[in-house]
Amino acid sequence: MSDVLIKADELARRLGEVTLLDVRWTLTDPDAGRPAHLAGHIPGAVFVDLHRELADPSRPASEGRHPLPPVEDLQRAARAWGVTTGRPVVVYDDTSGLAAARAWWLLRYAGLRDVRVLDGGLTAWAGPLEEGPVEPEPGDVELRYGALPVLTADDAAAFPRVGTLLDARAGERYRGDAEPIDPRAGHIPGAVSAPTTDNIDASGGFLEPGSIRARFEELGVDLSAPIAVYCGSGVTAAHTLLALAAAGVDGALYPGSWSQWSNLPDRPVATGPQP
């Protein structure tokens, strides 16, 4: 296993040694993950509800669409998933890690060091699937936020002066050509467009580390300087942080992301292809 990713063949060999979490979720059909899990999942995988367990939907719009859950709520959920002190965690989805990366980032932010994402997701898995719910033995993990850097809206506004702020959304949303979800179109002034889907190769797996580094260097990113990432609601930005981590580069997350920024009327908005 690498520090942040695991290949399907290695997972198959180590299946009994890890806590396996199924984080299937998409923005367009957020409730489809659980039925898909029940219909077929990697043996032993426990379903995780991104919207309700990896976020706090009760928070106001000014906090963004997927605010971080209180750490005590995350700990309660993680124990119910069977997450246990000292046991590695592997997370997967069926969208090349776009949802699983949220679980990876959040658990590491809460202090777990040994968390990895299945490279290529469920598509890469060649082994058997099992049906029905999984009810694991309760875990005993202790969580505490703060193990990874995060940005507030004020931090995000100032960040382009000290490093590179990456916008992981699709290019048309960055430019302001279209905004199907949030109240204003455009991007945070000074942010660089870096759609997270470009972290993936034709097979649905992550690019090799050298190709990841080359991709961001071609965007003008100084990989030795501070880097932060945002997206629509702090979910797919974690995917870009995962790609960077796979290439040996650290970065910070702006959890509120565009869904928070665009709901704050005093925050300026830039449009067009340039930062």
Protein backbone atom coordinates (compact mmCIF):
# COMPACT_ATOMS: atom_id res chain seq x y z
CA MET A 1 0.00 0.00 0.00
CA SER A 2 1.11 3.59 -0.66
CA ASP A 3 0.56 6.26 1.96
CA VAL A 4 -2.84 7.28 0.55
CA LEU A 5 -3.89 4.82 -2.17
CA ILE A 6 -4.25 1.05 -2.40
CA LYS A 7 -4.52 -1.06 -5.55
CA ALA A 8 -7.35 -3.57 -5.90
CA ASP A 9 -5.05 -6.60 -5.92
CA GLU A 10 -3.41 -5.56 -2.68
CA LEU A 11 -6.78 -4.90 -1.07
CA ALA A 12 -7.88 -8.40 -2.07
CA ARG A 13 -4.85 -9.83 -0.26
CA ARG A 14 -5.42 -7.73 2.86
CA LEU A 15 -9.20 -7.70 2.97
CA GLY A 16 -9.37 -9.21 6.45
CA GLU A 17 -6.84 -6.74 7.86
CA VAL A 18 -8.66 -3.48 7.16
CA THR A 19 -11.90 -1.70 8.00
CA LEU A 20 -13.55 -1.20 4.62
CA LEU A 21 -15.97 1.68 3.99
CA ASP A 22 -18.27 2.08 0.97
CA VAL A 23 -18.82 5.81 0.33
CA ARG A 24 -20.84 5.73 -2.88
CA TRP A 25 -22.47 9.13 -3.44
CA THR A 26 -23.06 11.63 -6.21
CA LEU A 27 -24.42 15.17 -6.11
CA THR A 28 -27.02 14.38 -8.77
CA ASP A 29 -28.40 11.32 -6.94
CA PRO A 30 -27.27 11.58 -3.30
CA ASP A 31 -29.52 8.79 -1.99
CA ALA A 32 -28.53 6.15 -4.55
CA GLY A 33 -25.49 4.95 -2.62
CA ARG A 34 -27.23 2.82 -0.01
CA PRO A 35 -29.39 0.83 -2.48
CA ALA A 36 -26.29 0.28 -4.62
CA HIS A 37 -24.40 -0.92 -1.57
CA LEU A 38 -27.15 -3.38 -0.64
CA ALA A 39 -27.22 -4.69 -4.20
CA GLY A 40 -23.52 -5.46 -4.19
CA HIS A 41 -20.40 -4.35 -2.32
CA ILE A 42 -16.86 -5.52 -1.65
CA PRO A 43 -17.11 -8.20 1.07
CA GLY A 44 -17.17 -6.68 4.54
CA ALA A 45 -17.63 -3.08 3.41
CA VAL A 46 -19.81 -0.89 5.63
CA PHE A 47 -21.92 1.79 3.95
CA VAL A 48 -21.16 5.42 4.85
CA ASP A 49 -23.66 8.18 4.09
CA LEU A 50 -21.63 11.14 2.89
CA HIS A 51 -24.40 13.71 3.20
CA ARG A 52 -25.53 12.71 6.70
CA GLU A 53 -22.40 11.23 8.30
CA LEU A 54 -19.48 12.98 6.60
CA ALA A 55 -21.23 16.36 6.74
CA ASP A 56 -23.72 18.21 8.93
CA PRO A 57 -26.79 19.03 6.81
CA SER A 58 -28.43 20.86 9.73
CA ARG A 59 -26.00 23.78 9.50
CA PRO A 60 -27.12 27.01 7.76
CA ALA A 61 -26.35 27.82 4.13
CA SER A 62 -23.76 30.35 5.25
CA GLU A 63 -21.58 27.38 6.31
CA GLY A 64 -21.73 25.74 2.87
CA ARG A 65 -23.63 22.72 1.54
CA HIS A 66 -21.49 20.11 3.30
CA PRO A 67 -20.15 21.60 6.55
CA LEU A 68 -17.86 19.38 8.59
CA PRO A 69 -19.80 17.38 11.17
CA PRO A 70 -19.09 17.92 14.88
CA VAL A 71 -16.22 15.64 15.82
CA GLU A 72 -18.32 13.84 18.42
CA ASP A 73 -20.87 12.97 15.71
CA LEU A 74 -18.12 11.71 13.41
CA GLN A 75 -16.63 9.62 16.21
CA ARG A 76 -20.02 8.08 16.96
CA ALA A 77 -20.50 7.24 13.29
CA ALA A 78 -16.96 5.90 12.87
CA ARG A 79 -17.38 3.57 15.82
CA ALA A 80 -20.63 2.32 14.30
CA TRP A 81 -18.70 1.59 11.08
CA GLY A 82 -16.30 -0.51 13.13
CA VAL A 83 -13.34 1.86 12.97
CA THR A 84 -10.91 0.65 15.62
CA THR A 85 -7.70 2.10 17.01
CA GLY A 86 -4.68 0.69 15.21
CA ARG A 87 -6.60 -0.96 12.36
CA PRO A 88 -6.11 0.44 8.84
CA VAL A 89 -9.10 1.95 7.01
CA VAL A 90 -9.75 1.70 3.27
CA VAL A 91 -12.51 3.70 1.59
CA TYR A 92 -13.94 3.35 -1.90
CA ASP A 93 -16.76 4.52 -4.17
CA ASP A 94 -17.76 4.00 -7.80
CA THR A 95 -16.67 7.45 -9.04
CA SER A 96 -12.87 7.17 -9.08
CA GLY A 97 -12.56 8.42 -5.51
CA LEU A 98 -14.55 11.64 -5.90
CA ALA A 99 -16.69 10.78 -2.85
CA ALA A 100 -14.31 8.43 -1.01
CA ALA A 101 -11.73 11.22 -0.82
CA ARG A 102 -14.06 13.10 1.53
CA ALA A 103 -13.95 10.19 4.00
CA TRP A 104 -10.18 9.89 3.54
CA TRP A 105 -9.62 13.58 4.25
CA LEU A 106 -12.11 13.85 7.13
CA LEU A 107 -10.78 10.81 9.00
CA ARG A 108 -7.22 12.02 8.60
CA TYR A 109 -8.25 15.50 9.73
CA ALA A 110 -9.72 13.79 12.79
CA GLY A 111 -6.40 12.13 13.60
CA LEU A 112 -6.41 8.76 11.82
CA ARG A 113 -3.13 8.26 9.97
CA ASP A 114 -3.70 4.93 8.23
CA VAL A 115 -6.52 5.73 5.80
CA ARG A 116 -6.33 4.90 2.10
CA VAL A 117 -8.56 5.12 -0.98
CA LEU A 118 -9.05 2.22 -3.39
CA ASP A 119 -7.38 3.42 -6.59
CA GLY A 120 -9.93 3.18 -9.40
CA GLY A 121 -12.80 2.51 -7.02
CA LEU A 122 -15.27 -0.31 -7.39
CA THR A 123 -14.56 -0.49 -11.13
CA ALA A 124 -11.04 -1.69 -10.38
CA TRP A 125 -12.26 -4.48 -8.07
CA ALA A 126 -12.17 -7.88 -9.81
CA GLY A 127 -13.15 -9.97 -6.81
CA PRO A 128 -16.58 -11.11 -5.63
CA LEU A 129 -19.30 -8.85 -4.31
CA GLU A 130 -21.72 -9.56 -1.49
CA GLU A 131 -25.28 -8.33 -1.02
CA GLY A 132 -27.22 -6.99 1.94
CA PRO A 133 -26.29 -4.86 4.94
CA VAL A 134 -23.06 -5.23 6.91
CA GLU A 135 -23.22 -4.88 10.71
CA PRO A 136 -19.69 -4.69 12.08
CA GLU A 137 -18.52 -5.01 15.66
CA PRO A 138 -18.50 -1.49 17.17
CA GLY A 139 -15.16 0.27 17.05
CA ASP A 140 -13.36 2.22 19.76
CA VAL A 141 -11.61 4.96 17.79
CA GLU A 142 -10.95 8.31 19.47
CA LEU A 143 -11.12 11.29 17.11
CA ARG A 144 -9.97 14.87 17.42
CA TYR A 145 -10.00 17.50 14.68
CA GLY A 146 -6.94 19.49 13.68
CA ALA A 147 -4.49 17.02 12.17
CA LEU A 148 -4.69 18.72 8.73
CA PRO A 149 -4.82 22.43 7.80
CA VAL A 150 -8.12 24.11 6.92
CA LEU A 151 -9.08 27.56 5.70
CA THR A 152 -11.85 29.94 6.68
CA ALA A 153 -13.39 32.34 4.15
CA ASP A 154 -11.00 35.05 5.36
CA ASP A 155 -8.06 32.69 4.92
CA ALA A 156 -9.21 31.80 1.40
CA ALA A 157 -9.47 35.48 0.47
CA ALA A 158 -5.89 36.11 1.55
CA PHE A 159 -4.36 32.84 0.35
CA PRO A 160 -3.42 33.84 -3.25
CA ARG A 161 -0.98 36.35 -1.76
CA VAL A 162 1.06 33.59 -0.08
CA GLY A 163 0.51 30.52 -2.27
CA THR A 164 -1.80 28.92 -4.81
CA LEU A 165 -5.52 28.58 -4.22
CA LEU A 166 -6.92 25.87 -6.51
CA ASP A 167 -10.54 25.69 -7.66
CA ALA A 168 -11.36 22.00 -8.23
CA ARG A 169 -14.73 22.55 -9.93
CA ALA A 170 -15.43 22.14 -13.63
CA GLY A 171 -14.05 24.90 -15.83
CA GLU A 172 -17.45 26.30 -16.78
CA ARG A 173 -18.33 26.85 -13.13
CA TYR A 174 -14.95 28.47 -12.42
CA ARG A 175 -15.40 30.84 -15.36
CA GLY A 176 -18.97 31.65 -14.35
CA ASP A 177 -20.43 30.31 -17.59
CA ALA A 178 -22.83 28.14 -15.59
CA GLU A 179 -23.78 27.72 -11.96
CA PRO A 180 -26.42 25.01 -11.45
CA ILE A 181 -26.33 24.86 -7.65
CA ASP A 182 -24.99 27.89 -5.81
CA PRO A 183 -26.39 31.45 -5.70
CA ARG A 184 -23.59 33.21 -7.61
CA ALA A 185 -21.42 32.17 -10.55
CA GLY A 186 -17.66 32.61 -10.79
CA HIS A 187 -14.67 31.95 -8.55
CA ILE A 188 -12.73 33.35 -5.61
CA PRO A 189 -10.47 36.14 -6.89
CA GLY A 190 -6.92 34.87 -7.36
CA ALA A 191 -7.90 31.18 -7.54
CA VAL A 192 -6.48 28.95 -10.30
CA SER A 193 -8.78 26.58 -12.21
CA ALA A 194 -7.75 22.93 -11.69
CA PRO A 195 -10.72 20.59 -12.30
CA THR A 196 -10.38 17.55 -10.09
CA THR A 197 -11.45 15.20 -12.89
CA ASP A 198 -8.07 15.83 -14.53
CA ASN A 199 -6.42 13.88 -11.68
CA ILE A 200 -7.77 10.66 -13.23
CA ASP A 201 -6.44 8.61 -16.13
CA ALA A 202 -8.46 6.85 -18.84
CA SER A 203 -8.92 3.74 -16.69
CA GLY A 204 -10.49 5.71 -13.82
CA GLY A 205 -7.45 5.46 -11.57
CA PHE A 206 -5.22 8.28 -10.35
CA LEU A 207 -2.43 9.55 -12.56
CA GLU A 208 1.05 8.43 -11.59
CA PRO A 209 2.76 10.76 -9.07
CA GLY A 210 5.08 12.25 -11.67
CA SER A 211 2.16 13.03 -13.97
CA ILE A 212 0.24 14.61 -11.10
CA ARG A 213 3.16 16.89 -10.30
CA ALA A 214 3.57 17.76 -13.98
CA ARG A 215 -0.12 18.58 -14.28
CA PHE A 216 -0.02 21.17 -11.51
CA GLU A 217 3.32 22.60 -12.58
CA GLU A 218 1.83 23.17 -16.05
CA LEU A 219 -0.92 25.17 -14.34
CA GLY A 220 1.78 27.40 -12.86
CA VAL A 221 1.60 25.94 -9.35
CA ASP A 222 4.77 26.19 -7.26
CA LEU A 223 4.64 22.83 -5.47
CA SER A 224 7.13 24.02 -2.88
CA ALA A 225 4.90 26.92 -1.81
CA PRO A 226 1.63 26.73 0.19
CA ILE A 227 -1.34 25.19 -1.64
CA ALA A 228 -5.03 25.20 -0.73
CA VAL A 229 -8.05 23.77 -2.53
CA TYR A 230 -11.77 24.46 -2.68
CA CYS A 231 -14.63 23.18 -4.82
CA GLY A 232 -18.41 23.49 -4.60
CA SER A 233 -18.89 22.21 -1.07
CA GLY A 234 -15.59 20.77 0.12
CA VAL A 235 -16.12 17.24 -1.27
CA THR A 236 -14.28 17.05 -4.59
CA ALA A 237 -11.57 19.41 -3.30
CA ALA A 238 -10.53 16.50 -1.06
CA HIS A 239 -9.95 14.50 -4.26
CA THR A 240 -7.40 17.04 -5.44
CA LEU A 241 -5.76 16.99 -2.00
CA LEU A 242 -5.61 13.20 -2.29
CA ALA A 243 -3.95 13.46 -5.71
CA LEU A 244 -1.44 15.96 -4.37
CA ALA A 245 -0.74 13.74 -1.36
CA ALA A 246 -0.14 10.78 -3.68
CA ALA A 247 2.51 12.94 -5.38
CA GLY A 248 4.10 13.91 -2.07
CA VAL A 249 2.59 17.41 -1.87
CA ASP A 250 0.65 18.76 1.12
CA GLY A 251 -2.28 21.14 0.90
CA ALA A 252 -5.06 22.74 2.92
CA LEU A 253 -8.83 22.48 2.43
CA TYR A 254 -11.34 25.31 2.45
CA PRO A 255 -14.31 23.24 3.71
CA GLY A 256 -16.97 25.90 3.08
CA SER A 257 -15.81 26.25 -0.52
CA TRP A 258 -17.87 28.03 -3.18
CA SER A 259 -21.19 27.10 -1.57
CA GLN A 260 -20.21 29.17 1.46
CA TRP A 261 -18.39 31.95 -0.38
CA SER A 262 -21.24 32.57 -2.83
CA ASN A 263 -23.74 32.80 0.04
CA LEU A 264 -21.77 35.61 1.69
CA PRO A 265 -22.85 38.82 -0.09
CA ASP A 266 -19.78 40.80 0.96
CA ARG A 267 -17.38 38.38 -0.75
CA PRO A 268 -16.16 39.45 -4.21
CA VAL A 269 -16.56 37.16 -7.22
CA ALA A 270 -14.32 36.89 -10.29
CA THR A 271 -15.43 35.51 -13.66
CA GLY A 272 -13.64 34.43 -16.81
CA PRO A 273 -10.68 32.12 -17.39
CA GLN A 274 -8.08 34.06 -15.42
CA PRO A 275 -7.52 34.16 -11.64
